[in-house]
Amino acid sequence: MDKIKLNYTFNNPNSVEDTAEQLLKLFIEANKQKVDEIIKNAVDDGEKTASHPV
């Protein structure tokens, strides 16, 4: 039996900017725990730098 090749076509009526914004929101939501940890670490590092200048 021959395999059927599927072709998908998506119509995206949004602008490139809107699409990028929606994808960014999706990726952030999917990786929320990692994003929260990265932001927390960046804030902590910034506070350490501000309180202990070199």
PDB file of N, CA and C in Angstrom:
ATOM      1  N   MET A   1       0.838  -1.170   0.000  1.00  0.00           N
ATOM      2  CA  MET A   1       0.000   0.000   0.000  1.00  0.00           C
ATOM      3  C   MET A   1       0.889   1.241   0.000  1.00  0.00           C
ATOM      4  N   ASP A   2       0.604   2.176  -0.889  1.00  0.00           N
ATOM      5  CA  ASP A   2       1.381   3.414  -0.988  1.00  0.00           C
ATOM      6  C   ASP A   2       1.048   4.351   0.164  1.00  0.00           C
ATOM      7  N   LYS A   3       2.076   5.066   0.612  1.00  0.00           N
ATOM      8  CA  LYS A   3       1.850   6.065   1.661  1.00  0.00           C
ATOM      9  C   LYS A   3       1.251   7.311   1.032  1.00  0.00           C
ATOM     10  N   ILE A   4       0.321   7.916   1.738  1.00  0.00           N
ATOM     11  CA  ILE A   4      -0.291   9.157   1.274  1.00  0.00           C
ATOM     12  C   ILE A   4       0.530  10.317   1.810  1.00  0.00           C
ATOM     13  N   LYS A   5       0.922  11.230   0.930  1.00  0.00           N
ATOM     14  CA  LYS A   5       1.677  12.407   1.332  1.00  0.00           C
ATOM     15  C   LYS A   5       0.686  13.516   1.659  1.00  0.00           C
ATOM     16  N   LEU A   6       0.789  14.041   2.883  1.00  0.00           N
ATOM     17  CA  LEU A   6      -0.097  15.109   3.310  1.00  0.00           C
ATOM     18  C   LEU A   6       0.574  16.458   3.112  1.00  0.00           C
ATOM     19  N   ASN A   7      -0.166  17.397   2.597  1.00  0.00           N
ATOM     20  CA  ASN A   7       0.312  18.765   2.440  1.00  0.00           C
ATOM     21  C   ASN A   7      -0.595  19.678   3.233  1.00  0.00           C
ATOM     22  N   TYR A   8       0.013  20.517   4.060  1.00  0.00           N
ATOM     23  CA  TYR A   8      -0.751  21.459   4.868  1.00  0.00           C
ATOM     24  C   TYR A   8      -0.478  22.877   4.377  1.00  0.00           C
ATOM     25  N   THR A   9      -1.509  23.658   4.310  1.00  0.00           N
ATOM     26  CA  THR A   9      -1.384  25.066   3.968  1.00  0.00           C
ATOM     27  C   THR A   9      -2.118  25.867   5.028  1.00  0.00           C
ATOM     28  N   PHE A  10      -1.436  26.874   5.567  1.00  0.00           N
ATOM     29  CA  PHE A  10      -2.038  27.713   6.590  1.00  0.00           C
ATOM     30  C   PHE A  10      -2.210  29.121   6.036  1.00  0.00           C
ATOM     31  N   ASN A  11      -3.378  29.676   6.247  1.00  0.00           N
ATOM     32  CA  ASN A  11      -3.615  31.052   5.868  1.00  0.00           C
ATOM     33  C   ASN A  11      -3.467  31.898   7.123  1.00  0.00           C
ATOM     34  N   ASN A  12      -2.503  32.784   7.129  1.00  0.00           N
ATOM     35  CA  ASN A  12      -2.263  33.638   8.279  1.00  0.00           C
ATOM     36  C   ASN A  12      -2.592  35.082   7.884  1.00  0.00           C
ATOM     37  N   PRO A  13      -3.764  35.574   8.301  1.00  0.00           N
ATOM     38  CA  PRO A  13      -4.161  36.934   7.928  1.00  0.00           C
ATOM     39  C   PRO A  13      -3.482  38.010   8.775  1.00  0.00           C
ATOM     40  N   ASN A  14      -2.677  37.614   9.746  1.00  0.00           N
ATOM     41  CA  ASN A  14      -2.026  38.578  10.630  1.00  0.00           C
ATOM     42  C   ASN A  14      -0.752  39.128  10.007  1.00  0.00           C
ATOM     43  N   SER A  15      -0.342  40.293  10.512  1.00  0.00           N
ATOM     44  CA  SER A  15       0.923  40.868  10.061  1.00  0.00           C
ATOM     45  C   SER A  15       2.069  40.046  10.649  1.00  0.00           C
ATOM     46  N   VAL A  16       3.247  40.246  10.113  1.00  0.00           N
ATOM     47  CA  VAL A  16       4.429  39.543  10.614  1.00  0.00           C
ATOM     48  C   VAL A  16       4.649  39.884  12.086  1.00  0.00           C
ATOM     49  N   GLU A  17       4.459  41.155  12.442  1.00  0.00           N
ATOM     50  CA  GLU A  17       4.653  41.590  13.830  1.00  0.00           C
ATOM     51  C   GLU A  17       3.656  40.915  14.764  1.00  0.00           C
ATOM     52  N   ASP A  18       2.381  40.856  14.355  1.00  0.00           N
ATOM     53  CA  ASP A  18       1.357  40.209  15.189  1.00  0.00           C
ATOM     54  C   ASP A  18       1.642  38.722  15.356  1.00  0.00           C
ATOM     55  N   THR A  19       2.068  38.091  14.288  1.00  0.00           N
ATOM     56  CA  THR A  19       2.393  36.664  14.342  1.00  0.00           C
ATOM     57  C   THR A  19       3.559  36.429  15.298  1.00  0.00           C
ATOM     58  N   ALA A  20       4.607  37.257  15.184  1.00  0.00           N
ATOM     59  CA  ALA A  20       5.771  37.112  16.055  1.00  0.00           C
ATOM     60  C   ALA A  20       5.376  37.319  17.517  1.00  0.00           C
ATOM     61  N   GLU A  21       4.527  38.312  17.779  1.00  0.00           N
ATOM     62  CA  GLU A  21       4.088  38.577  19.152  1.00  0.00           C
ATOM     63  C   GLU A  21       3.300  37.396  19.718  1.00  0.00           C
ATOM     64  N   GLN A  22       2.402  36.833  18.918  1.00  0.00           N
ATOM     65  CA  GLN A  22       1.611  35.691  19.379  1.00  0.00           C
ATOM     66  C   GLN A  22       2.491  34.464  19.622  1.00  0.00           C
ATOM     67  N   LEU A  23       3.459  34.223  18.743  1.00  0.00           N
ATOM     68  CA  LEU A  23       4.375  33.095  18.941  1.00  0.00           C
ATOM     69  C   LEU A  23       5.217  33.295  20.192  1.00  0.00           C
ATOM     70  N   LEU A  24       5.691  34.525  20.426  1.00  0.00           N
ATOM     71  CA  LEU A  24       6.470  34.806  21.620  1.00  0.00           C
ATOM     72  C   LEU A  24       5.649  34.531  22.871  1.00  0.00           C
ATOM     73  N   LYS A  25       4.398  34.986  22.887  1.00  0.00           N
ATOM     74  CA  LYS A  25       3.512  34.732  24.029  1.00  0.00           C
ATOM     75  C   LYS A  25       3.316  33.233  24.238  1.00  0.00           C
ATOM     76  N   LEU A  26       3.142  32.504  23.154  1.00  0.00           N
ATOM     77  CA  LEU A  26       2.957  31.057  23.237  1.00  0.00           C
ATOM     78  C   LEU A  26       4.194  30.380  23.823  1.00  0.00           C
ATOM     79  N   PHE A  27       5.383  30.754  23.327  1.00  0.00           N
ATOM     80  CA  PHE A  27       6.614  30.142  23.823  1.00  0.00           C
ATOM     81  C   PHE A  27       6.869  30.499  25.283  1.00  0.00           C
ATOM     82  N   ILE A  28       6.569  31.734  25.675  1.00  0.00           N
ATOM     83  CA  ILE A  28       6.753  32.126  27.066  1.00  0.00           C
ATOM     84  C   ILE A  28       5.815  31.332  27.959  1.00  0.00           C
ATOM     85  N   GLU A  29       4.562  31.202  27.543  1.00  0.00           N
ATOM     86  CA  GLU A  29       3.597  30.451  28.342  1.00  0.00           C
ATOM     87  C   GLU A  29       4.021  28.984  28.456  1.00  0.00           C
ATOM     88  N   ALA A  30       4.512  28.418  27.368  1.00  0.00           N
ATOM     89  CA  ALA A  30       4.931  27.009  27.377  1.00  0.00           C
ATOM     90  C   ALA A  30       6.151  26.797  28.270  1.00  0.00           C
ATOM     91  N   ASN A  31       6.974  27.836  28.417  1.00  0.00           N
ATOM     92  CA  ASN A  31       8.201  27.726  29.214  1.00  0.00           C
ATOM     93  C   ASN A  31       8.169  28.677  30.405  1.00  0.00           C
ATOM     94  N   LYS A  32       6.981  28.913  30.955  1.00  0.00           N
ATOM     95  CA  LYS A  32       6.796  29.917  32.006  1.00  0.00           C
ATOM     96  C   LYS A  32       7.723  29.704  33.194  1.00  0.00           C
ATOM     97  N   GLN A  33       7.874  28.489  33.642  1.00  0.00           N
ATOM     98  CA  GLN A  33       8.725  28.221  34.801  1.00  0.00           C
ATOM     99  C   GLN A  33      10.170  28.632  34.513  1.00  0.00           C
ATOM    100  N   LYS A  34      10.683  28.269  33.348  1.00  0.00           N
ATOM    101  CA  LYS A  34      12.059  28.630  32.988  1.00  0.00           C
ATOM    102  C   LYS A  34      12.198  30.143  32.844  1.00  0.00           C
ATOM    103  N   VAL A  35      11.217  30.784  32.206  1.00  0.00           N
ATOM    104  CA  VAL A  35      11.261  32.235  32.004  1.00  0.00           C
ATOM    105  C   VAL A  35      11.243  32.943  33.350  1.00  0.00           C
ATOM    106  N   ASP A  36      10.379  32.511  34.261  1.00  0.00           N
ATOM    107  CA  ASP A  36      10.310  33.117  35.593  1.00  0.00           C
ATOM    108  C   ASP A  36      11.655  32.997  36.318  1.00  0.00           C
ATOM    109  N   GLU A  37      12.278  31.843  36.215  1.00  0.00           N
ATOM    110  CA  GLU A  37      13.567  31.626  36.878  1.00  0.00           C
ATOM    111  C   GLU A  37      14.652  32.518  36.271  1.00  0.00           C
ATOM    112  N   ILE A  38      14.666  32.642  34.951  1.00  0.00           N
ATOM    113  CA  ILE A  38      15.664  33.483  34.281  1.00  0.00           C
ATOM    114  C   ILE A  38      15.482  34.944  34.669  1.00  0.00           C
ATOM    115  N   ILE A  39      14.235  35.405  34.696  1.00  0.00           N
ATOM    116  CA  ILE A  39      13.962  36.789  35.079  1.00  0.00           C
ATOM    117  C   ILE A  39      14.376  37.023  36.531  1.00  0.00           C
ATOM    118  N   LYS A  40      14.043  36.086  37.425  1.00  0.00           N
ATOM    119  CA  LYS A  40      14.404  36.218  38.837  1.00  0.00           C
ATOM    120  C   LYS A  40      15.916  36.285  38.991  1.00  0.00           C
ATOM    121  N   ASN A  41      16.640  35.422  38.287  1.00  0.00           N
ATOM    122  CA  ASN A  41      18.103  35.431  38.363  1.00  0.00           C
ATOM    123  C   ASN A  41      18.680  36.739  37.831  1.00  0.00           C
ATOM    124  N   ALA A  42      18.107  37.268  36.754  1.00  0.00           N
ATOM    125  CA  ALA A  42      18.584  38.528  36.191  1.00  0.00           C
ATOM    126  C   ALA A  42      18.367  39.672  37.170  1.00  0.00           C
ATOM    127  N   VAL A  43      17.209  39.685  37.834  1.00  0.00           N
ATOM    128  CA  VAL A  43      16.922  40.728  38.829  1.00  0.00           C
ATOM    129  C   VAL A  43      17.876  40.587  40.006  1.00  0.00           C
ATOM    130  N   ASP A  44      18.077  39.373  40.484  1.00  0.00           N
ATOM    131  CA  ASP A  44      18.994  39.141  41.612  1.00  0.00           C
ATOM    132  C   ASP A  44      20.408  39.596  41.251  1.00  0.00           C
ATOM    133  N   ASP A  45      20.867  39.263  40.052  1.00  0.00           N
ATOM    134  CA  ASP A  45      22.204  39.671  39.604  1.00  0.00           C
ATOM    135  C   ASP A  45      22.298  41.181  39.512  1.00  0.00           C
ATOM    136  N   GLY A  46      21.229  41.812  39.035  1.00  0.00           N
ATOM    137  CA  GLY A  46      21.214  43.277  38.939  1.00  0.00           C
ATOM    138  C   GLY A  46      21.257  43.932  40.293  1.00  0.00           C
ATOM    139  N   GLU A  47      20.561  43.353  41.265  1.00  0.00           N
ATOM    140  CA  GLU A  47      20.579  43.897  42.631  1.00  0.00           C
ATOM    141  C   GLU A  47      21.944  43.723  43.261  1.00  0.00           C
ATOM    142  N   LYS A  48      22.584  42.590  43.007  1.00  0.00           N
ATOM    143  CA  LYS A  48      23.923  42.366  43.545  1.00  0.00           C
ATOM    144  C   LYS A  48      24.913  43.377  42.959  1.00  0.00           C
ATOM    145  N   THR A  49      24.804  43.626  41.664  1.00  0.00           N
ATOM    146  CA  THR A  49      25.682  44.578  41.004  1.00  0.00           C
ATOM    147  C   THR A  49      25.451  45.984  41.529  1.00  0.00           C
ATOM    148  N   ALA A  50      24.185  46.339  41.747  1.00  0.00           N
ATOM    149  CA  ALA A  50      23.850  47.681  42.226  1.00  0.00           C
ATOM    150  C   ALA A  50      24.307  47.888  43.671  1.00  0.00           C
ATOM    151  N   SER A  51      24.238  46.845  44.491  1.00  0.00           N
ATOM    152  CA  SER A  51      24.597  46.995  45.898  1.00  0.00           C
ATOM    153  C   SER A  51      26.099  46.806  46.149  1.00  0.00           C
ATOM    154  N   HIS A  52      26.800  46.183  45.211  1.00  0.00           N
ATOM    155  CA  HIS A  52      28.233  45.947  45.363  1.00  0.00           C
ATOM    156  C   HIS A  52      28.971  46.390  44.108  1.00  0.00           C
ATOM    157  N   PRO A  53      29.143  47.692  43.927  1.00  0.00           N
ATOM    158  CA  PRO A  53      29.832  48.147  42.711  1.00  0.00           C
ATOM    159  C   PRO A  53      31.293  47.719  42.710  1.00  0.00           C
ATOM    160  N   VAL A  54      31.792  47.483  41.529  1.00  0.00           N
ATOM    161  CA  VAL A  54      33.179  47.017  41.377  1.00  0.00           C
ATOM    162  C   VAL A  54      34.109  48.183  41.367  1.00  0.00           C
TER     163      VAL A  54
END
